[in-house]
């Protein structure tokens, strides 16, 4: 099973990716993780990425594609993979298709986790995290039993400074302009699958699995 996850920030892609890893035994390929690992290892691509980041530049698509290509050569991708965080725009999607076709591992589906922006705004602006145990709550949808106190370890919760309406609004605008066109791109290829990313996590996972049966 070779799929890419689509969805706006806060749609739950990361949560569902972890569920799919457990269910199907295939790895998640996150470009963020690849970049951190390559930089840490000091590989040739990692050094190029670090040089770009150190000067405040975006890491080029060629470097990211090179990292994906190297990752696909590892044995655990033979049964498939879940791509998360790439592609982010139409140009990257075309380059990725060419790379995967060359590797003999073309995408079978793009899974969209669809959530209304109004819901996303509440999810992201209401997020509260525990510095001690990492638990996450939401002041609107899943508040702690005691205000600003973690249910699990009773430590104080904090609200990230960048989880504000202005910053999140910009992130959602960027998604709409650059990434949302991928939905039509994959629909035209006949590869688009879609679920509503609202409700209980396990219920969403069940819908995801039902959609993925279409390519099994």
C-alpha atoms as a PDB file:
ATOM      1  CA  UNK A   1       0.000   0.000   0.000  1.00  0.00           C
ATOM      2  CA  UNK A   2       1.594   3.234  -1.187  1.00  0.00           C
ATOM      3  CA  UNK A   3      -0.327   6.343  -0.153  1.00  0.00           C
ATOM      4  CA  UNK A   4       0.077  10.039   0.529  1.00  0.00           C
ATOM      5  CA  UNK A   5      -1.903  11.828   3.233  1.00  0.00           C
ATOM      6  CA  UNK A   6      -3.592  15.132   2.411  1.00  0.00           C
ATOM      7  CA  UNK A   7      -5.241  17.578   4.774  1.00  0.00           C
ATOM      8  CA  UNK A   8      -4.902  21.002   6.310  1.00  0.00           C
ATOM      9  CA  UNK A   9      -2.903  21.665   9.488  1.00  0.00           C
ATOM     10  CA  UNK A  10      -4.857  20.233  12.414  1.00  0.00           C
ATOM     11  CA  UNK A  11      -6.840  17.755  10.315  1.00  0.00           C
ATOM     12  CA  UNK A  12      -5.385  14.761  12.153  1.00  0.00           C
ATOM     13  CA  UNK A  13      -3.011  13.383   9.523  1.00  0.00           C
ATOM     14  CA  UNK A  14      -0.314  12.555  12.073  1.00  0.00           C
ATOM     15  CA  UNK A  15      -2.744  10.736  14.355  1.00  0.00           C
ATOM     16  CA  UNK A  16      -4.166   8.652  11.520  1.00  0.00           C
ATOM     17  CA  UNK A  17      -0.685   7.924  10.158  1.00  0.00           C
ATOM     18  CA  UNK A  18       0.249   6.325  13.492  1.00  0.00           C
ATOM     19  CA  UNK A  19      -2.911   4.206  13.375  1.00  0.00           C
ATOM     20  CA  UNK A  20      -2.098   3.056   9.831  1.00  0.00           C
ATOM     21  CA  UNK A  21       1.502   2.201  10.729  1.00  0.00           C
ATOM     22  CA  UNK A  22       0.192  -0.091  13.467  1.00  0.00           C
ATOM     23  CA  UNK A  23      -2.559  -1.563  11.298  1.00  0.00           C
ATOM     24  CA  UNK A  24      -0.631  -2.260   8.098  1.00  0.00           C
ATOM     25  CA  UNK A  25       2.982  -2.503   9.266  1.00  0.00           C
ATOM     26  CA  UNK A  26       4.261   0.030   6.739  1.00  0.00           C
ATOM     27  CA  UNK A  27       6.460   3.045   7.559  1.00  0.00           C
ATOM     28  CA  UNK A  28       5.476   6.691   7.606  1.00  0.00           C
ATOM     29  CA  UNK A  29       7.835   8.793   5.505  1.00  0.00           C
ATOM     30  CA  UNK A  30       7.789  12.308   6.899  1.00  0.00           C
ATOM     31  CA  UNK A  31      10.006  14.817   5.124  1.00  0.00           C
ATOM     32  CA  UNK A  32      10.586  16.616   8.421  1.00  0.00           C
ATOM     33  CA  UNK A  33      11.890  13.416   9.995  1.00  0.00           C
ATOM     34  CA  UNK A  34      14.046  12.688   6.933  1.00  0.00           C
ATOM     35  CA  UNK A  35      15.620  16.136   7.084  1.00  0.00           C
ATOM     36  CA  UNK A  36      16.383  15.887  10.792  1.00  0.00           C
ATOM     37  CA  UNK A  37      17.865  12.406  10.393  1.00  0.00           C
ATOM     38  CA  UNK A  38      20.013  13.385   7.398  1.00  0.00           C
ATOM     39  CA  UNK A  39      21.346  16.497   9.130  1.00  0.00           C
ATOM     40  CA  UNK A  40      22.082  14.495  12.284  1.00  0.00           C
ATOM     41  CA  UNK A  41      23.862  11.772  10.299  1.00  0.00           C
ATOM     42  CA  UNK A  42      25.895  14.311   8.337  1.00  0.00           C
ATOM     43  CA  UNK A  43      25.124  12.646   5.004  1.00  0.00           C
ATOM     44  CA  UNK A  44      25.847  14.468   1.749  1.00  0.00           C
ATOM     45  CA  UNK A  45      22.195  15.448   1.374  1.00  0.00           C
ATOM     46  CA  UNK A  46      22.042  16.302   5.073  1.00  0.00           C
ATOM     47  CA  UNK A  47      24.986  18.687   4.737  1.00  0.00           C
ATOM     48  CA  UNK A  48      23.323  20.411   1.776  1.00  0.00           C
ATOM     49  CA  UNK A  49      20.068  20.702   3.729  1.00  0.00           C
ATOM     50  CA  UNK A  50      21.861  22.104   6.771  1.00  0.00           C
ATOM     51  CA  UNK A  51      23.663  24.679   4.648  1.00  0.00           C
ATOM     52  CA  UNK A  52      20.314  25.900   3.310  1.00  0.00           C
ATOM     53  CA  UNK A  53      18.651  25.975   6.723  1.00  0.00           C
ATOM     54  CA  UNK A  54      21.605  27.742   8.347  1.00  0.00           C
ATOM     55  CA  UNK A  55      21.175  30.629   5.909  1.00  0.00           C
ATOM     56  CA  UNK A  56      17.417  30.765   6.422  1.00  0.00           C
ATOM     57  CA  UNK A  57      16.578  29.276   3.039  1.00  0.00           C
ATOM     58  CA  UNK A  58      14.068  26.557   2.216  1.00  0.00           C
ATOM     59  CA  UNK A  59      15.559  23.153   1.499  1.00  0.00           C
ATOM     60  CA  UNK A  60      15.278  22.596  -2.261  1.00  0.00           C
ATOM     61  CA  UNK A  61      12.898  20.043  -3.741  1.00  0.00           C
ATOM     62  CA  UNK A  62      15.862  18.221  -5.294  1.00  0.00           C
ATOM     63  CA  UNK A  63      17.362  17.593  -1.854  1.00  0.00           C
ATOM     64  CA  UNK A  64      14.044  16.444  -0.376  1.00  0.00           C
ATOM     65  CA  UNK A  65      13.373  14.150  -3.345  1.00  0.00           C
ATOM     66  CA  UNK A  66      16.867  12.717  -2.964  1.00  0.00           C
ATOM     67  CA  UNK A  67      16.126  11.901   0.659  1.00  0.00           C
ATOM     68  CA  UNK A  68      12.830  10.252  -0.287  1.00  0.00           C
ATOM     69  CA  UNK A  69      14.599   8.241  -2.979  1.00  0.00           C
ATOM     70  CA  UNK A  70      17.184   7.008  -0.461  1.00  0.00           C
ATOM     71  CA  UNK A  71      14.452   6.146   2.056  1.00  0.00           C
ATOM     72  CA  UNK A  72      12.564   4.091  -0.534  1.00  0.00           C
ATOM     73  CA  UNK A  73      15.625   1.883  -0.978  1.00  0.00           C
ATOM     74  CA  UNK A  74      15.260   0.586   2.571  1.00  0.00           C
ATOM     75  CA  UNK A  75      13.704  -2.847   2.974  1.00  0.00           C
ATOM     76  CA  UNK A  76      10.786  -1.760   5.155  1.00  0.00           C
ATOM     77  CA  UNK A  77       9.210   0.132   2.234  1.00  0.00           C
ATOM     78  CA  UNK A  78       8.783  -2.973   0.093  1.00  0.00           C
ATOM     79  CA  UNK A  79       5.252  -3.551   1.397  1.00  0.00           C
ATOM     80  CA  UNK A  80       4.396   0.125   1.038  1.00  0.00           C
ATOM     81  CA  UNK A  81       4.655   3.481   2.771  1.00  0.00           C
ATOM     82  CA  UNK A  82       2.679   6.481   4.002  1.00  0.00           C
ATOM     83  CA  UNK A  83       3.945   9.838   2.742  1.00  0.00           C
ATOM     84  CA  UNK A  84       3.176  12.744   5.045  1.00  0.00           C
ATOM     85  CA  UNK A  85       4.133  16.373   4.438  1.00  0.00           C
ATOM     86  CA  UNK A  86       5.112  15.931   0.792  1.00  0.00           C
ATOM     87  CA  UNK A  87       4.106  16.908  -1.839  1.00  0.00           C
ATOM     88  CA  UNK A  88       2.956  20.385  -0.776  1.00  0.00           C
ATOM     89  CA  UNK A  89       2.266  21.790  -4.248  1.00  0.00           C
ATOM     90  CA  UNK A  90       1.615  20.731  -7.839  1.00  0.00           C
ATOM     91  CA  UNK A  91       5.254  21.013  -8.927  1.00  0.00           C
ATOM     92  CA  UNK A  92       6.367  18.712  -6.122  1.00  0.00           C
ATOM     93  CA  UNK A  93       3.562  16.268  -6.959  1.00  0.00           C
ATOM     94  CA  UNK A  94       4.719  15.968 -10.569  1.00  0.00           C
ATOM     95  CA  UNK A  95       8.341  15.443  -9.495  1.00  0.00           C
ATOM     96  CA  UNK A  96       7.286  12.869  -6.911  1.00  0.00           C
ATOM     97  CA  UNK A  97       5.239  10.944  -9.488  1.00  0.00           C
ATOM     98  CA  UNK A  98       8.276  10.774 -11.770  1.00  0.00           C
ATOM     99  CA  UNK A  99      10.515   9.581  -8.921  1.00  0.00           C
ATOM    100  CA  UNK A 100       8.094   6.894  -7.760  1.00  0.00           C
ATOM    101  CA  UNK A 101       7.463   5.656 -11.310  1.00  0.00           C
ATOM    102  CA  UNK A 102      11.222   5.373 -11.805  1.00  0.00           C
ATOM    103  CA  UNK A 103      11.494   3.394  -8.551  1.00  0.00           C
ATOM    104  CA  UNK A 104       8.632   1.115  -9.584  1.00  0.00           C
ATOM    105  CA  UNK A 105       6.613   2.249  -6.561  1.00  0.00           C
ATOM    106  CA  UNK A 106       3.888   4.575  -7.887  1.00  0.00           C
ATOM    107  CA  UNK A 107       1.320   5.993  -5.492  1.00  0.00           C
ATOM    108  CA  UNK A 108      -1.875   3.981  -5.265  1.00  0.00           C
ATOM    109  CA  UNK A 109      -3.930   6.616  -3.493  1.00  0.00           C
ATOM    110  CA  UNK A 110      -4.035  10.050  -1.923  1.00  0.00           C
ATOM    111  CA  UNK A 111      -6.110  10.022   1.250  1.00  0.00           C
ATOM    112  CA  UNK A 112      -7.726  13.361   2.137  1.00  0.00           C
ATOM    113  CA  UNK A 113      -8.716  13.949   5.752  1.00  0.00           C
ATOM    114  CA  UNK A 114     -11.257  16.704   5.223  1.00  0.00           C
ATOM    115  CA  UNK A 115     -12.149  19.134   8.017  1.00  0.00           C
ATOM    116  CA  UNK A 116     -13.947  22.500   7.825  1.00  0.00           C
ATOM    117  CA  UNK A 117     -11.674  25.475   8.505  1.00  0.00           C
ATOM    118  CA  UNK A 118     -13.927  26.677  11.335  1.00  0.00           C
ATOM    119  CA  UNK A 119     -13.299  23.373  13.146  1.00  0.00           C
ATOM    120  CA  UNK A 120      -9.574  23.543  12.402  1.00  0.00           C
ATOM    121  CA  UNK A 121      -9.350  27.033  13.867  1.00  0.00           C
ATOM    122  CA  UNK A 122     -10.899  25.826  17.145  1.00  0.00           C
ATOM    123  CA  UNK A 123      -8.650  22.778  17.218  1.00  0.00           C
ATOM    124  CA  UNK A 124      -5.486  24.775  16.707  1.00  0.00           C
ATOM    125  CA  UNK A 125      -6.187  27.933  18.694  1.00  0.00           C
ATOM    126  CA  UNK A 126      -7.579  25.938  21.613  1.00  0.00           C
ATOM    127  CA  UNK A 127      -4.670  23.518  21.926  1.00  0.00           C
ATOM    128  CA  UNK A 128      -3.160  23.073  25.395  1.00  0.00           C
ATOM    129  CA  UNK A 129      -0.084  20.902  26.022  1.00  0.00           C
ATOM    130  CA  UNK A 130       1.645  19.463  29.066  1.00  0.00           C
ATOM    131  CA  UNK A 131       5.378  20.177  29.226  1.00  0.00           C
ATOM    132  CA  UNK A 132       5.853  17.251  31.585  1.00  0.00           C
ATOM    133  CA  UNK A 133       4.125  14.267  29.932  1.00  0.00           C
ATOM    134  CA  UNK A 134       3.226  15.642  26.507  1.00  0.00           C
ATOM    135  CA  UNK A 135      -0.531  15.147  26.863  1.00  0.00           C
ATOM    136  CA  UNK A 136      -2.627  17.408  24.636  1.00  0.00           C
ATOM    137  CA  UNK A 137      -6.005  18.944  25.469  1.00  0.00           C
ATOM    138  CA  UNK A 138      -8.250  21.544  23.850  1.00  0.00           C
ATOM    139  CA  UNK A 139     -10.021  24.300  25.727  1.00  0.00           C
ATOM    140  CA  UNK A 140     -12.971  24.080  23.302  1.00  0.00           C
ATOM    141  CA  UNK A 141     -13.337  20.392  22.438  1.00  0.00           C
ATOM    142  CA  UNK A 142     -11.527  18.360  25.124  1.00  0.00           C
ATOM    143  CA  UNK A 143     -10.708  20.551  28.111  1.00  0.00           C
ATOM    144  CA  UNK A 144      -8.884  19.224  31.185  1.00  0.00           C
ATOM    145  CA  UNK A 145     -10.961  18.438  34.283  1.00  0.00           C
ATOM    146  CA  UNK A 146      -9.209  21.255  36.157  1.00  0.00           C
ATOM    147  CA  UNK A 147      -8.439  24.445  34.242  1.00  0.00           C
ATOM    148  CA  UNK A 148      -4.842  24.595  32.917  1.00  0.00           C
ATOM    149  CA  UNK A 149      -3.931  21.384  34.779  1.00  0.00           C
ATOM    150  CA  UNK A 150      -2.973  18.094  33.118  1.00  0.00           C
ATOM    151  CA  UNK A 151      -5.406  15.254  33.883  1.00  0.00           C
ATOM    152  CA  UNK A 152      -2.600  12.702  33.688  1.00  0.00           C
ATOM    153  CA  UNK A 153       0.220  14.182  35.767  1.00  0.00           C
ATOM    154  CA  UNK A 154      -1.339  17.319  37.319  1.00  0.00           C
ATOM    155  CA  UNK A 155       1.349  19.587  35.889  1.00  0.00           C
ATOM    156  CA  UNK A 156       0.541  22.965  34.369  1.00  0.00           C
ATOM    157  CA  UNK A 157      -0.610  23.143  30.761  1.00  0.00           C
ATOM    158  CA  UNK A 158       0.648  25.741  28.292  1.00  0.00           C
ATOM    159  CA  UNK A 159      -0.642  27.357  25.108  1.00  0.00           C
ATOM    160  CA  UNK A 160       1.886  27.764  22.282  1.00  0.00           C
ATOM    161  CA  UNK A 161       2.478  31.389  21.281  1.00  0.00           C
ATOM    162  CA  UNK A 162       2.049  30.547  17.592  1.00  0.00           C
ATOM    163  CA  UNK A 163      -1.337  28.900  18.185  1.00  0.00           C
ATOM    164  CA  UNK A 164      -3.152  32.188  17.607  1.00  0.00           C
ATOM    165  CA  UNK A 165      -5.757  33.134  15.021  1.00  0.00           C
ATOM    166  CA  UNK A 166      -3.444  35.317  12.931  1.00  0.00           C
ATOM    167  CA  UNK A 167      -0.661  32.739  12.604  1.00  0.00           C
ATOM    168  CA  UNK A 168      -3.019  29.823  12.047  1.00  0.00           C
ATOM    169  CA  UNK A 169      -5.042  31.848   9.557  1.00  0.00           C
ATOM    170  CA  UNK A 170      -1.865  32.375   7.524  1.00  0.00           C
ATOM    171  CA  UNK A 171      -1.063  28.632   7.658  1.00  0.00           C
ATOM    172  CA  UNK A 172      -4.542  27.763   6.438  1.00  0.00           C
ATOM    173  CA  UNK A 173      -4.335  30.378   3.665  1.00  0.00           C
ATOM    174  CA  UNK A 174      -1.022  28.906   2.508  1.00  0.00           C
ATOM    175  CA  UNK A 175      -2.597  25.452   2.503  1.00  0.00           C
ATOM    176  CA  UNK A 176      -5.550  26.685   0.443  1.00  0.00           C
ATOM    177  CA  UNK A 177      -3.339  28.386  -2.132  1.00  0.00           C
ATOM    178  CA  UNK A 178      -0.536  25.835  -2.472  1.00  0.00           C
ATOM    179  CA  UNK A 179      -1.612  22.421  -1.221  1.00  0.00           C
ATOM    180  CA  UNK A 180      -5.375  22.211  -1.727  1.00  0.00           C
ATOM    181  CA  UNK A 181      -4.962  22.081  -5.561  1.00  0.00           C
ATOM    182  CA  UNK A 182      -3.438  18.616  -5.025  1.00  0.00           C
ATOM    183  CA  UNK A 183      -6.934  17.348  -4.249  1.00  0.00           C
ATOM    184  CA  UNK A 184      -8.005  17.917  -7.857  1.00  0.00           C
ATOM    185  CA  UNK A 185      -4.625  16.686  -9.130  1.00  0.00           C
ATOM    186  CA  UNK A 186      -5.121  13.279  -7.514  1.00  0.00           C
ATOM    187  CA  UNK A 187      -8.838  13.204  -8.321  1.00  0.00           C
ATOM    188  CA  UNK A 188      -8.004  13.536 -12.007  1.00  0.00           C
ATOM    189  CA  UNK A 189      -5.609  10.602 -11.629  1.00  0.00           C
ATOM    190  CA  UNK A 190      -8.401   8.541 -10.092  1.00  0.00           C
ATOM    191  CA  UNK A 191      -6.398   8.165  -6.884  1.00  0.00           C
ATOM    192  CA  UNK A 192      -8.303  10.401  -4.455  1.00  0.00           C
ATOM    193  CA  UNK A 193      -9.893   8.881  -1.361  1.00  0.00           C
ATOM    194  CA  UNK A 194     -11.607  11.054   1.252  1.00  0.00           C
ATOM    195  CA  UNK A 195     -12.909  10.857   4.820  1.00  0.00           C
ATOM    196  CA  UNK A 196     -14.349  13.451   7.173  1.00  0.00           C
ATOM    197  CA  UNK A 197     -11.822  14.073   9.936  1.00  0.00           C
ATOM    198  CA  UNK A 198     -14.396  14.947  12.598  1.00  0.00           C
ATOM    199  CA  UNK A 199     -15.530  12.710  15.451  1.00  0.00           C
ATOM    200  CA  UNK A 200     -13.927  10.009  17.564  1.00  0.00           C
ATOM    201  CA  UNK A 201     -10.418   9.079  16.421  1.00  0.00           C
ATOM    202  CA  UNK A 202     -11.188   5.352  16.192  1.00  0.00           C
ATOM    203  CA  UNK A 203     -14.324   6.044  14.154  1.00  0.00           C
ATOM    204  CA  UNK A 204     -12.283   8.126  11.690  1.00  0.00           C
ATOM    205  CA  UNK A 205      -9.715   5.318  11.516  1.00  0.00           C
ATOM    206  CA  UNK A 206     -12.490   2.848  10.663  1.00  0.00           C
ATOM    207  CA  UNK A 207     -13.597   5.112   7.795  1.00  0.00           C
ATOM    208  CA  UNK A 208      -9.998   5.403   6.613  1.00  0.00           C
ATOM    209  CA  UNK A 209      -9.607   1.618   6.556  1.00  0.00           C
ATOM    210  CA  UNK A 210     -12.868   1.272   4.640  1.00  0.00           C
ATOM    211  CA  UNK A 211     -11.598   3.710   2.013  1.00  0.00           C
ATOM    212  CA  UNK A 212      -8.234   1.951   1.760  1.00  0.00           C
ATOM    213  CA  UNK A 213      -9.981  -1.352   0.988  1.00  0.00           C
ATOM    214  CA  UNK A 214     -10.659   0.185  -2.425  1.00  0.00           C
ATOM    215  CA  UNK A 215      -6.968  -0.191  -3.310  1.00  0.00           C
ATOM    216  CA  UNK A 216      -6.206  -3.400  -1.379  1.00  0.00           C
END
